[in-house]
PDB file of all heavy atoms in Angstrom:
ATOM      1  N   ALA A   1      70.601  85.845 105.042  1.00  0.00           N
ATOM      2  CA  ALA A   1      69.747  86.945 105.367  1.00  0.00           C
ATOM      3  C   ALA A   1      69.035  87.487 104.186  1.00  0.00           C
ATOM      4  O   ALA A   1      67.876  87.876 104.213  1.00  0.00           O
ATOM      5  CB  ALA A   1      70.549  88.035 106.112  1.00  0.00           C
ATOM      6  N   LEU A   2      69.727  87.567 103.044  1.00  0.00           N
ATOM      7  CA  LEU A   2      69.056  88.064 101.810  1.00  0.00           C
ATOM      8  C   LEU A   2      67.960  87.135 101.363  1.00  0.00           C
ATOM      9  O   LEU A   2      66.853  87.565 100.980  1.00  0.00           O
ATOM     10  CB  LEU A   2      70.136  88.178 100.713  1.00  0.00           C
ATOM     11  CG  LEU A   2      71.098  89.342 100.769  1.00  0.00           C
ATOM     12  CD1 LEU A   2      72.269  89.214  99.870  1.00  0.00           C
ATOM     13  CD2 LEU A   2      70.333  90.664 100.504  1.00  0.00           C
ATOM     14  N   ARG A   3      68.219  85.790 101.454  1.00  0.00           N
ATOM     15  CA  ARG A   3      67.218  84.879 101.114  1.00  0.00           C
ATOM     16  C   ARG A   3      65.965  84.955 101.980  1.00  0.00           C
ATOM     17  O   ARG A   3      64.866  84.890 101.568  1.00  0.00           O
ATOM     18  CB  ARG A   3      67.750  83.430 101.077  1.00  0.00           C
ATOM     19  CG  ARG A   3      68.741  83.150  99.946  1.00  0.00           C
ATOM     20  CD  ARG A   3      69.083  81.711  99.883  1.00  0.00           C
ATOM     21  NE  ARG A   3      69.798  81.199 101.109  1.00  0.00           N
ATOM     22  CZ  ARG A   3      71.104  81.185 101.128  1.00  0.00           C
ATOM     23  NH1 ARG A   3      71.877  81.672 100.238  1.00  0.00           N
ATOM     24  NH2 ARG A   3      71.717  80.695 102.290  1.00  0.00           N
ATOM     25  N   GLU A   4      66.279  85.087 103.311  1.00  0.00           N
ATOM     26  CA  GLU A   4      65.184  85.153 104.309  1.00  0.00           C
ATOM     27  C   GLU A   4      64.349  86.448 104.072  1.00  0.00           C
ATOM     28  O   GLU A   4      63.180  86.573 104.351  1.00  0.00           O
ATOM     29  CB  GLU A   4      65.731  85.135 105.714  1.00  0.00           C
ATOM     30  CG  GLU A   4      66.280  83.779 106.092  1.00  0.00           C
ATOM     31  CD  GLU A   4      66.893  83.817 107.447  1.00  0.00           C
ATOM     32  OE1 GLU A   4      67.062  84.908 108.111  1.00  0.00           O
ATOM     33  OE2 GLU A   4      67.331  82.710 107.979  1.00  0.00           O
ATOM     34  N   ALA A   5      65.041  87.547 103.587  1.00  0.00           N
ATOM     35  CA  ALA A   5      64.357  88.778 103.307  1.00  0.00           C
ATOM     36  C   ALA A   5      63.449  88.609 102.065  1.00  0.00           C
ATOM     37  O   ALA A   5      62.622  89.495 101.833  1.00  0.00           O
ATOM     38  CB  ALA A   5      65.355  89.871 103.138  1.00  0.00           C
ATOM     39  N   GLY A   6      63.745  87.652 101.275  1.00  0.00           N
ATOM     40  CA  GLY A   6      62.971  87.416 100.031  1.00  0.00           C
ATOM     41  C   GLY A   6      63.663  87.625  98.728  1.00  0.00           C
ATOM     42  O   GLY A   6      63.028  87.534  97.637  1.00  0.00           O
ATOM     43  N   VAL A   7      64.955  87.973  98.776  1.00  0.00           N
ATOM     44  CA  VAL A   7      65.759  88.173  97.513  1.00  0.00           C
ATOM     45  C   VAL A   7      65.843  86.737  96.867  1.00  0.00           C
ATOM     46  O   VAL A   7      66.253  85.754  97.490  1.00  0.00           O
ATOM     47  CB  VAL A   7      67.112  88.725  97.812  1.00  0.00           C
ATOM     48  CG1 VAL A   7      67.946  88.783  96.554  1.00  0.00           C
ATOM     49  CG2 VAL A   7      67.013  90.106  98.467  1.00  0.00           C
ATOM     50  N   PRO A   8      65.464  86.669  95.574  1.00  0.00           N
ATOM     51  CA  PRO A   8      65.626  85.437  94.900  1.00  0.00           C
ATOM     52  C   PRO A   8      67.124  84.962  94.917  1.00  0.00           C
ATOM     53  O   PRO A   8      68.031  85.717  94.583  1.00  0.00           O
ATOM     54  CB  PRO A   8      65.216  85.770  93.408  1.00  0.00           C
ATOM     55  CG  PRO A   8      64.338  86.994  93.618  1.00  0.00           C
ATOM     56  CD  PRO A   8      64.941  87.745  94.706  1.00  0.00           C
ATOM     57  N   PRO A   9      67.326  83.702  95.174  1.00  0.00           N
ATOM     58  CA  PRO A   9      68.727  83.166  95.304  1.00  0.00           C
ATOM     59  C   PRO A   9      69.523  83.392  93.931  1.00  0.00           C
ATOM     60  O   PRO A   9      70.718  83.580  93.998  1.00  0.00           O
ATOM     61  CB  PRO A   9      68.508  81.655  95.559  1.00  0.00           C
ATOM     62  CG  PRO A   9      67.206  81.592  96.216  1.00  0.00           C
ATOM     63  CD  PRO A   9      66.355  82.637  95.614  1.00  0.00           C
ATOM     64  N   THR A  10      68.778  83.394  92.816  1.00  0.00           N
ATOM     65  CA  THR A  10      69.517  83.655  91.571  1.00  0.00           C
ATOM     66  C   THR A  10      70.028  85.004  91.420  1.00  0.00           C
ATOM     67  O   THR A  10      70.792  85.317  90.438  1.00  0.00           O
ATOM     68  CB  THR A  10      68.492  83.327  90.366  1.00  0.00           C
ATOM     69  OG1 THR A  10      67.292  84.058  90.568  1.00  0.00           O
ATOM     70  CG2 THR A  10      68.156  81.863  90.344  1.00  0.00           C
ATOM     71  N   HIS A  11      69.655  85.885  92.315  1.00  0.00           N
ATOM     72  CA  HIS A  11      70.075  87.326  92.206  1.00  0.00           C
ATOM     73  C   HIS A  11      71.224  87.599  93.179  1.00  0.00           C
ATOM     74  O   HIS A  11      71.690  88.754  93.291  1.00  0.00           O
ATOM     75  CB  HIS A  11      68.929  88.272  92.564  1.00  0.00           C
ATOM     76  CG  HIS A  11      67.971  88.377  91.398  1.00  0.00           C
ATOM     77  ND1 HIS A  11      67.278  87.363  90.844  1.00  0.00           N
ATOM     78  CD2 HIS A  11      67.623  89.505  90.688  1.00  0.00           C
ATOM     79  CE1 HIS A  11      66.474  87.796  89.938  1.00  0.00           C
ATOM     80  NE2 HIS A  11      66.607  89.104  89.725  1.00  0.00           N
ATOM     81  N   ILE A  12      71.688  86.552  93.873  1.00  0.00           N
ATOM     82  CA  ILE A  12      72.736  86.753  94.931  1.00  0.00           C
ATOM     83  C   ILE A  12      74.061  86.267  94.419  1.00  0.00           C
ATOM     84  O   ILE A  12      74.226  85.183  93.937  1.00  0.00           O
ATOM     85  CB  ILE A  12      72.344  86.044  96.190  1.00  0.00           C
ATOM     86  CG1 ILE A  12      71.003  86.594  96.748  1.00  0.00           C
ATOM     87  CG2 ILE A  12      73.462  86.248  97.305  1.00  0.00           C
ATOM     88  CD1 ILE A  12      70.458  85.790  97.921  1.00  0.00           C
ATOM     89  N   ASP A  13      75.121  87.100  94.518  1.00  0.00           N
ATOM     90  CA  ASP A  13      76.492  86.731  94.228  1.00  0.00           C
ATOM     91  C   ASP A  13      77.269  86.741  95.543  1.00  0.00           C
ATOM     92  O   ASP A  13      77.251  87.654  96.274  1.00  0.00           O
ATOM     93  CB  ASP A  13      77.084  87.692  93.213  1.00  0.00           C
ATOM     94  CG  ASP A  13      76.328  87.744  91.957  1.00  0.00           C
ATOM     95  OD1 ASP A  13      76.136  86.724  91.256  1.00  0.00           O
ATOM     96  OD2 ASP A  13      75.845  88.887  91.537  1.00  0.00           O
ATOM     97  N   ALA A  14      78.044  85.611  95.732  1.00  0.00           N
ATOM     98  CA  ALA A  14      78.814  85.463  96.948  1.00  0.00           C
ATOM     99  C   ALA A  14      79.992  84.565  96.729  1.00  0.00           C
ATOM    100  O   ALA A  14      79.964  83.738  95.759  1.00  0.00           O
ATOM    101  CB  ALA A  14      77.920  84.958  98.083  1.00  0.00           C
ATOM    102  N   PRO A  15      80.984  84.532  97.613  1.00  0.00           N
ATOM    103  CA  PRO A  15      82.050  83.562  97.541  1.00  0.00           C
ATOM    104  C   PRO A  15      81.521  82.185  97.732  1.00  0.00           C
ATOM    105  O   PRO A  15      80.423  82.000  98.303  1.00  0.00           O
ATOM    106  CB  PRO A  15      83.015  83.934  98.660  1.00  0.00           C
ATOM    107  CG  PRO A  15      82.652  85.382  99.015  1.00  0.00           C
ATOM    108  CD  PRO A  15      81.229  85.506  98.680  1.00  0.00           C
ATOM    109  N   CYS A  16      82.146  81.153  97.165  1.00  0.00           N
ATOM    110  CA  CYS A  16      81.688  79.812  97.336  1.00  0.00           C
ATOM    111  C   CYS A  16      81.775  79.395  98.838  1.00  0.00           C
ATOM    112  O   CYS A  16      82.573  79.970  99.575  1.00  0.00           O
ATOM    113  CB  CYS A  16      82.465  78.834  96.491  1.00  0.00           C
ATOM    114  SG  CYS A  16      84.187  78.564  97.068  1.00  0.00           S
ATOM    115  N   ALA A  17      80.999  78.436  99.233  1.00  0.00           N
ATOM    116  CA  ALA A  17      80.901  78.016 100.643  1.00  0.00           C
ATOM    117  C   ALA A  17      82.224  77.457 101.146  1.00  0.00           C
ATOM    118  O   ALA A  17      82.441  77.509 102.364  1.00  0.00           O
ATOM    119  CB  ALA A  17      79.838  76.949 100.783  1.00  0.00           C
ATOM    120  N   GLN A  18      83.099  77.049 100.296  1.00  0.00           N
ATOM    121  CA  GLN A  18      84.386  76.473 100.704  1.00  0.00           C
ATOM    122  C   GLN A  18      85.483  77.541 100.694  1.00  0.00           C
ATOM    123  O   GLN A  18      86.635  77.189 100.927  1.00  0.00           O
ATOM    124  CB  GLN A  18      84.801  75.324  99.728  1.00  0.00           C
ATOM    125  CG  GLN A  18      83.957  74.062  99.851  1.00  0.00           C
ATOM    126  CD  GLN A  18      82.565  74.271  99.248  1.00  0.00           C
ATOM    127  OE1 GLN A  18      82.453  74.907  98.233  1.00  0.00           O
ATOM    128  NE2 GLN A  18      81.473  73.709  99.902  1.00  0.00           N
ATOM    129  N   ALA A  19      85.203  78.774 100.492  1.00  0.00           N
ATOM    130  CA  ALA A  19      86.204  79.847 100.480  1.00  0.00           C
ATOM    131  C   ALA A  19      86.964  79.905 101.785  1.00  0.00           C
ATOM    132  O   ALA A  19      86.384  79.692 102.849  1.00  0.00           O
ATOM    133  CB  ALA A  19      85.575  81.231 100.200  1.00  0.00           C
ATOM    134  N   ALA A  20      88.300  80.188 101.776  1.00  0.00           N
ATOM    135  CA  ALA A  20      89.085  80.255 102.967  1.00  0.00           C
ATOM    136  C   ALA A  20      88.613  81.424 103.845  1.00  0.00           C
ATOM    137  O   ALA A  20      88.642  81.270 105.097  1.00  0.00           O
ATOM    138  CB  ALA A  20      90.548  80.392 102.627  1.00  0.00           C
ATOM    139  N   GLN A  21      88.164  82.516 103.240  1.00  0.00           N
ATOM    140  CA  GLN A  21      87.680  83.697 104.017  1.00  0.00           C
ATOM    141  C   GLN A  21      86.434  84.214 103.309  1.00  0.00           C
ATOM    142  O   GLN A  21      86.291  84.157 102.116  1.00  0.00           O
ATOM    143  CB  GLN A  21      88.687  84.782 104.046  1.00  0.00           C
ATOM    144  CG  GLN A  21      89.965  84.454 104.887  1.00  0.00           C
ATOM    145  CD  GLN A  21      89.610  84.478 106.366  1.00  0.00           C
ATOM    146  OE1 GLN A  21      88.706  85.056 106.781  1.00  0.00           O
ATOM    147  NE2 GLN A  21      90.458  83.734 107.158  1.00  0.00           N
ATOM    148  N   PHE A  22      85.522  84.770 104.158  1.00  0.00           N
ATOM    149  CA  PHE A  22      84.399  85.453 103.578  1.00  0.00           C
ATOM    150  C   PHE A  22      84.607  86.941 103.772  1.00  0.00           C
ATOM    151  O   PHE A  22      84.396  87.437 104.858  1.00  0.00           O
ATOM    152  CB  PHE A  22      83.135  84.981 104.291  1.00  0.00           C
ATOM    153  CG  PHE A  22      82.880  83.471 104.144  1.00  0.00           C
ATOM    154  CD1 PHE A  22      82.851  82.664 105.234  1.00  0.00           C
ATOM    155  CD2 PHE A  22      82.819  82.912 102.862  1.00  0.00           C
ATOM    156  CE1 PHE A  22      82.629  81.262 105.135  1.00  0.00           C
ATOM    157  CE2 PHE A  22      82.638  81.558 102.759  1.00  0.00           C
ATOM    158  CZ  PHE A  22      82.523  80.690 103.804  1.00  0.00           C
ATOM    159  N   GLU A  23      84.973  87.677 102.749  1.00  0.00           N
ATOM    160  CA  GLU A  23      85.313  89.009 102.794  1.00  0.00           C
ATOM    161  C   GLU A  23      85.263  89.675 101.452  1.00  0.00           C
ATOM    162  O   GLU A  23      84.897  89.000 100.440  1.00  0.00           O
ATOM    163  CB  GLU A  23      86.772  89.146 103.354  1.00  0.00           C
ATOM    164  CG  GLU A  23      87.745  88.341 102.452  1.00  0.00           C
ATOM    165  CD  GLU A  23      89.185  88.304 102.996  1.00  0.00           C
ATOM    166  OE1 GLU A  23      89.422  88.958 104.041  1.00  0.00           O
ATOM    167  OE2 GLU A  23      90.028  87.732 102.381  1.00  0.00           O
ATOM    168  N   SER A  24      85.534  90.920 101.442  1.00  0.00           N
ATOM    169  CA  SER A  24      85.425  91.750 100.148  1.00  0.00           C
ATOM    170  C   SER A  24      86.373  91.167  99.096  1.00  0.00           C
ATOM    171  O   SER A  24      86.034  91.155  97.906  1.00  0.00           O
ATOM    172  CB  SER A  24      85.758  93.188 100.439  1.00  0.00           C
ATOM    173  OG  SER A  24      84.796  93.809 101.265  1.00  0.00           O
ATOM    174  N   GLU A  25      87.578  90.702  99.521  1.00  0.00           N
ATOM    175  CA  GLU A  25      88.535  90.217  98.528  1.00  0.00           C
ATOM    176  C   GLU A  25      88.015  88.994  97.818  1.00  0.00           C
ATOM    177  O   GLU A  25      88.115  88.925  96.552  1.00  0.00           O
ATOM    178  CB  GLU A  25      89.854  89.947  99.197  1.00  0.00           C
ATOM    179  CG  GLU A  25      90.653  91.155  99.660  1.00  0.00           C
ATOM    180  CD  GLU A  25      90.280  91.651 101.010  1.00  0.00           C
ATOM    181  OE1 GLU A  25      89.125  91.338 101.512  1.00  0.00           O
ATOM    182  OE2 GLU A  25      91.018  92.435 101.590  1.00  0.00           O
ATOM    183  N   THR A  26      87.447  88.044  98.525  1.00  0.00           N
ATOM    184  CA  THR A  26      86.925  86.807  97.814  1.00  0.00           C
ATOM    185  C   THR A  26      85.663  87.112  97.040  1.00  0.00           C
ATOM    186  O   THR A  26      85.407  86.445  96.064  1.00  0.00           O
ATOM    187  CB  THR A  26      86.746  85.711  98.893  1.00  0.00           C
ATOM    188  OG1 THR A  26      85.984  86.221  99.996  1.00  0.00           O
ATOM    189  CG2 THR A  26      87.985  85.145  99.402  1.00  0.00           C
ATOM    190  N   LEU A  27      84.865  88.020  97.546  1.00  0.00           N
ATOM    191  CA  LEU A  27      83.644  88.478  96.792  1.00  0.00           C
ATOM    192  C   LEU A  27      84.083  89.082  95.541  1.00  0.00           C
ATOM    193  O   LEU A  27      83.456  88.844  94.443  1.00  0.00           O
ATOM    194  CB  LEU A  27      82.828  89.437  97.649  1.00  0.00           C
ATOM    195  CG  LEU A  27      81.625  90.140  96.968  1.00  0.00           C
ATOM    196  CD1 LEU A  27      80.625  89.103  96.442  1.00  0.00           C
ATOM    197  CD2 LEU A  27      81.050  91.219  97.803  1.00  0.00           C
ATOM    198  N   TRP A  28      85.088  89.951  95.511  1.00  0.00           N
ATOM    199  CA  TRP A  28      85.474  90.649  94.307  1.00  0.00           C
ATOM    200  C   TRP A  28      85.889  89.699  93.172  1.00  0.00           C
ATOM    201  O   TRP A  28      85.618  89.905  91.995  1.00  0.00           O
ATOM    202  CB  TRP A  28      86.656  91.605  94.580  1.00  0.00           C
ATOM    203  CG  TRP A  28      87.093  92.361  93.398  1.00  0.00           C
ATOM    204  CD1 TRP A  28      88.337  92.315  92.814  1.00  0.00           C
ATOM    205  CD2 TRP A  28      86.375  93.354  92.677  1.00  0.00           C
ATOM    206  NE1 TRP A  28      88.413  93.163  91.757  1.00  0.00           N
ATOM    207  CE2 TRP A  28      87.238  93.835  91.676  1.00  0.00           C
ATOM    208  CE3 TRP A  28      85.087  93.873  92.794  1.00  0.00           C
ATOM    209  CZ2 TRP A  28      86.821  94.798  90.744  1.00  0.00           C
ATOM    210  CZ3 TRP A  28      84.678  94.847  91.869  1.00  0.00           C
ATOM    211  CH2 TRP A  28      85.517  95.306  90.835  1.00  0.00           C
ATOM    212  N   ALA A  29      86.529  88.625  93.529  1.00  0.00           N
ATOM    213  CA  ALA A  29      86.905  87.564  92.569  1.00  0.00           C
ATOM    214  C   ALA A  29      85.702  87.073  91.807  1.00  0.00           C
ATOM    215  O   ALA A  29      85.844  86.655  90.625  1.00  0.00           O
ATOM    216  CB  ALA A  29      87.715  86.443  93.239  1.00  0.00           C
ATOM    217  N   VAL A  30      84.524  87.029  92.512  1.00  0.00           N
ATOM    218  CA  VAL A  30      83.298  86.520  91.928  1.00  0.00           C
ATOM    219  C   VAL A  30      82.623  87.548  91.017  1.00  0.00           C
ATOM    220  O   VAL A  30      82.131  87.296  89.966  1.00  0.00           O
ATOM    221  CB  VAL A  30      82.353  86.079  93.011  1.00  0.00           C
ATOM    222  CG1 VAL A  30      81.006  85.595  92.447  1.00  0.00           C
ATOM    223  CG2 VAL A  30      82.978  84.891  93.788  1.00  0.00           C
ATOM    224  N   VAL A  31      82.557  88.806  91.544  1.00  0.00           N
ATOM    225  CA  VAL A  31      81.756  89.788  90.848  1.00  0.00           C
ATOM    226  C   VAL A  31      82.493  90.723  89.937  1.00  0.00           C
ATOM    227  O   VAL A  31      81.810  91.461  89.106  1.00  0.00           O
ATOM    228  CB  VAL A  31      81.014  90.679  91.968  1.00  0.00           C
ATOM    229  CG1 VAL A  31      80.180  89.821  92.802  1.00  0.00           C
ATOM    230  CG2 VAL A  31      81.992  91.502  92.812  1.00  0.00           C
ATOM    231  N   ALA A  32      83.807  90.756  89.962  1.00  0.00           N
ATOM    232  CA  ALA A  32      84.568  91.705  89.084  1.00  0.00           C
ATOM    233  C   ALA A  32      84.185  91.602  87.630  1.00  0.00           C
ATOM    234  O   ALA A  32      84.090  92.692  86.980  1.00  0.00           O
ATOM    235  CB  ALA A  32      86.051  91.441  89.320  1.00  0.00           C
ATOM    236  N   PRO A  33      83.888  90.442  87.071  1.00  0.00           N
ATOM    237  CA  PRO A  33      83.553  90.344  85.619  1.00  0.00           C
ATOM    238  C   PRO A  33      82.255  91.114  85.315  1.00  0.00           C
ATOM    239  O   PRO A  33      82.038  91.407  84.167  1.00  0.00           O
ATOM    240  CB  PRO A  33      83.415  88.817  85.429  1.00  0.00           C
ATOM    241  CG  PRO A  33      84.304  88.220  86.378  1.00  0.00           C
ATOM    242  CD  PRO A  33      84.093  89.064  87.603  1.00  0.00           C
ATOM    243  N   GLN A  34      81.410  91.307  86.316  1.00  0.00           N
ATOM    244  CA  GLN A  34      80.090  92.065  86.016  1.00  0.00           C
ATOM    245  C   GLN A  34      80.365  93.575  85.834  1.00  0.00           C
ATOM    246  O   GLN A  34      79.589  94.196  85.182  1.00  0.00           O
ATOM    247  CB  GLN A  34      79.181  91.948  87.248  1.00  0.00           C
ATOM    248  CG  GLN A  34      78.778  90.522  87.636  1.00  0.00           C
ATOM    249  CD  GLN A  34      77.876  90.528  88.832  1.00  0.00           C
ATOM    250  OE1 GLN A  34      77.326  91.599  89.268  1.00  0.00           O
ATOM    251  NE2 GLN A  34      77.719  89.347  89.464  1.00  0.00           N
ATOM    252  N   VAL A  35      81.426  94.093  86.363  1.00  0.00           N
ATOM    253  CA  VAL A  35      81.551  95.551  86.500  1.00  0.00           C
ATOM    254  C   VAL A  35      82.115  96.127  85.165  1.00  0.00           C
ATOM    255  O   VAL A  35      83.072  95.640  84.624  1.00  0.00           O
ATOM    256  CB  VAL A  35      82.525  95.902  87.626  1.00  0.00           C
ATOM    257  CG1 VAL A  35      82.700  97.414  87.768  1.00  0.00           C
ATOM    258  CG2 VAL A  35      81.948  95.324  88.932  1.00  0.00           C
ATOM    259  N   GLN A  36      81.489  97.213  84.768  1.00  0.00           N
ATOM    260  CA  GLN A  36      81.926  97.955  83.599  1.00  0.00           C
ATOM    261  C   GLN A  36      82.166  99.399  83.959  1.00  0.00           C
ATOM    262  O   GLN A  36      81.614  99.920  84.923  1.00  0.00           O
ATOM    263  CB  GLN A  36      80.894  97.874  82.497  1.00  0.00           C
ATOM    264  CG  GLN A  36      80.474  96.455  82.036  1.00  0.00           C
ATOM    265  CD  GLN A  36      79.356  96.453  81.010  1.00  0.00           C
ATOM    266  OE1 GLN A  36      79.013  97.502  80.408  1.00  0.00           O
ATOM    267  NE2 GLN A  36      78.706  95.291  80.869  1.00  0.00           N
ATOM    268  N   ALA A  37      82.988 100.106  83.226  1.00  0.00           N
ATOM    269  CA  ALA A  37      83.277 101.472  83.411  1.00  0.00           C
ATOM    270  C   ALA A  37      81.966 102.315  83.442  1.00  0.00           C
ATOM    271  O   ALA A  37      81.102 102.048  82.573  1.00  0.00           O
ATOM    272  CB  ALA A  37      84.245 101.994  82.345  1.00  0.00           C
ATOM    273  N   GLY A  38      81.842 103.124  84.381  1.00  0.00           N
ATOM    274  CA  GLY A  38      80.615 103.982  84.480  1.00  0.00           C
ATOM    275  C   GLY A  38      79.564 103.380  85.419  1.00  0.00           C
ATOM    276  O   GLY A  38      78.568 104.113  85.773  1.00  0.00           O
ATOM    277  N   ASP A  39      79.741 102.139  85.800  1.00  0.00           N
ATOM    278  CA  ASP A  39      78.776 101.498  86.765  1.00  0.00           C
ATOM    279  C   ASP A  39      78.848 102.178  88.079  1.00  0.00           C
ATOM    280  O   ASP A  39      79.785 102.755  88.528  1.00  0.00           O
ATOM    281  CB  ASP A  39      79.109 100.042  86.885  1.00  0.00           C
ATOM    282  CG  ASP A  39      78.607  99.166  85.760  1.00  0.00           C
ATOM    283  OD1 ASP A  39      77.851  99.705  84.913  1.00  0.00           O
ATOM    284  OD2 ASP A  39      79.062  97.996  85.692  1.00  0.00           O
ATOM    285  N   HIS A  40      77.684 102.048  88.815  1.00  0.00           N
ATOM    286  CA  HIS A  40      77.569 102.488  90.200  1.00  0.00           C
ATOM    287  C   HIS A  40      77.161 101.278  91.036  1.00  0.00           C
ATOM    288  O   HIS A  40      76.277 100.507  90.644  1.00  0.00           O
ATOM    289  CB  HIS A  40      76.576 103.587  90.384  1.00  0.00           C
ATOM    290  CG  HIS A  40      77.006 104.888  89.810  1.00  0.00           C
ATOM    291  ND1 HIS A  40      76.922 105.160  88.440  1.00  0.00           N
ATOM    292  CD2 HIS A  40      77.539 105.982  90.379  1.00  0.00           C
ATOM    293  CE1 HIS A  40      77.407 106.387  88.215  1.00  0.00           C
ATOM    294  NE2 HIS A  40      77.734 106.888  89.404  1.00  0.00           N
ATOM    295  N   VAL A  41      77.764 101.103  92.201  1.00  0.00           N
ATOM    296  CA  VAL A  41      77.442  99.958  93.101  1.00  0.00           C
ATOM    297  C   VAL A  41      77.094 100.650  94.430  1.00  0.00           C
ATOM    298  O   VAL A  41      77.846 101.417  95.002  1.00  0.00           O
ATOM    299  CB  VAL A  41      78.605  99.007  93.238  1.00  0.00           C
ATOM    300  CG1 VAL A  41      78.307  98.029  94.332  1.00  0.00           C
ATOM    301  CG2 VAL A  41      78.964  98.317  91.935  1.00  0.00           C
ATOM    302  N   LEU A  42      75.934 100.250  94.929  1.00  0.00           N
ATOM    303  CA  LEU A  42      75.488 100.758  96.241  1.00  0.00           C
ATOM    304  C   LEU A  42      76.052  99.901  97.369  1.00  0.00           C
ATOM    305  O   LEU A  42      75.718  98.623  97.354  1.00  0.00           O
ATOM    306  CB  LEU A  42      74.022 100.847  96.326  1.00  0.00           C
ATOM    307  CG  LEU A  42      73.414 101.383  97.614  1.00  0.00           C
ATOM    308  CD1 LEU A  42      73.755 102.867  97.767  1.00  0.00           C
ATOM    309  CD2 LEU A  42      71.941 101.233  97.730  1.00  0.00           C
ATOM    310  N   ILE A  43      76.855 100.341  98.237  1.00  0.00           N
ATOM    311  CA  ILE A  43      77.383  99.542  99.376  1.00  0.00           C
ATOM    312  C   ILE A  43      76.602  99.894 100.627  1.00  0.00           C
ATOM    313  O   ILE A  43      76.694 100.983 101.129  1.00  0.00           O
ATOM    314  CB  ILE A  43      78.904  99.814  99.570  1.00  0.00           C
ATOM    315  CG1 ILE A  43      79.646  99.436  98.246  1.00  0.00           C
ATOM    316  CG2 ILE A  43      79.428  99.044 100.704  1.00  0.00           C
ATOM    317  CD1 ILE A  43      81.152  99.658  98.303  1.00  0.00           C
ATOM    318  N   VAL A  44      75.792  98.946 101.055  1.00  0.00           N
ATOM    319  CA  VAL A  44      74.963  99.133 102.263  1.00  0.00           C
ATOM    320  C   VAL A  44      75.743  98.690 103.470  1.00  0.00           C
ATOM    321  O   VAL A  44      76.170  97.546 103.577  1.00  0.00           O
ATOM    322  CB  VAL A  44      73.633  98.323 102.123  1.00  0.00           C
ATOM    323  CG1 VAL A  44      72.758  98.610 103.311  1.00  0.00           C
ATOM    324  CG2 VAL A  44      72.954  98.604 100.808  1.00  0.00           C
ATOM    325  N   ARG A  45      75.888  99.600 104.469  1.00  0.00           N
ATOM    326  CA  ARG A  45      76.878  99.380 105.576  1.00  0.00           C
ATOM    327  C   ARG A  45      76.378  99.989 106.858  1.00  0.00           C
ATOM    328  O   ARG A  45      75.269 100.561 106.859  1.00  0.00           O
ATOM    329  CB  ARG A  45      78.221  99.995 105.103  1.00  0.00           C
ATOM    330  CG  ARG A  45      78.144 101.483 104.919  1.00  0.00           C
ATOM    331  CD  ARG A  45      79.453 102.063 104.446  1.00  0.00           C
ATOM    332  NE  ARG A  45      80.409 102.112 105.574  1.00  0.00           N
ATOM    333  CZ  ARG A  45      80.492 103.184 106.373  1.00  0.00           C
ATOM    334  NH1 ARG A  45      79.764 104.274 106.184  1.00  0.00           N
ATOM    335  NH2 ARG A  45      81.344 103.196 107.400  1.00  0.00           N
TER     336      ARG A  45
END
């Protein structure tokens, strides 16, 4: 959906296609290294 909306694929972080589950826990394993103290993340829900 992000790609169809026009977001460049290089800007998208997600679990690998072979992940056992697609959820916040598997996503966090991918994105946790990006996060620094003081950061803000917008959760669209």
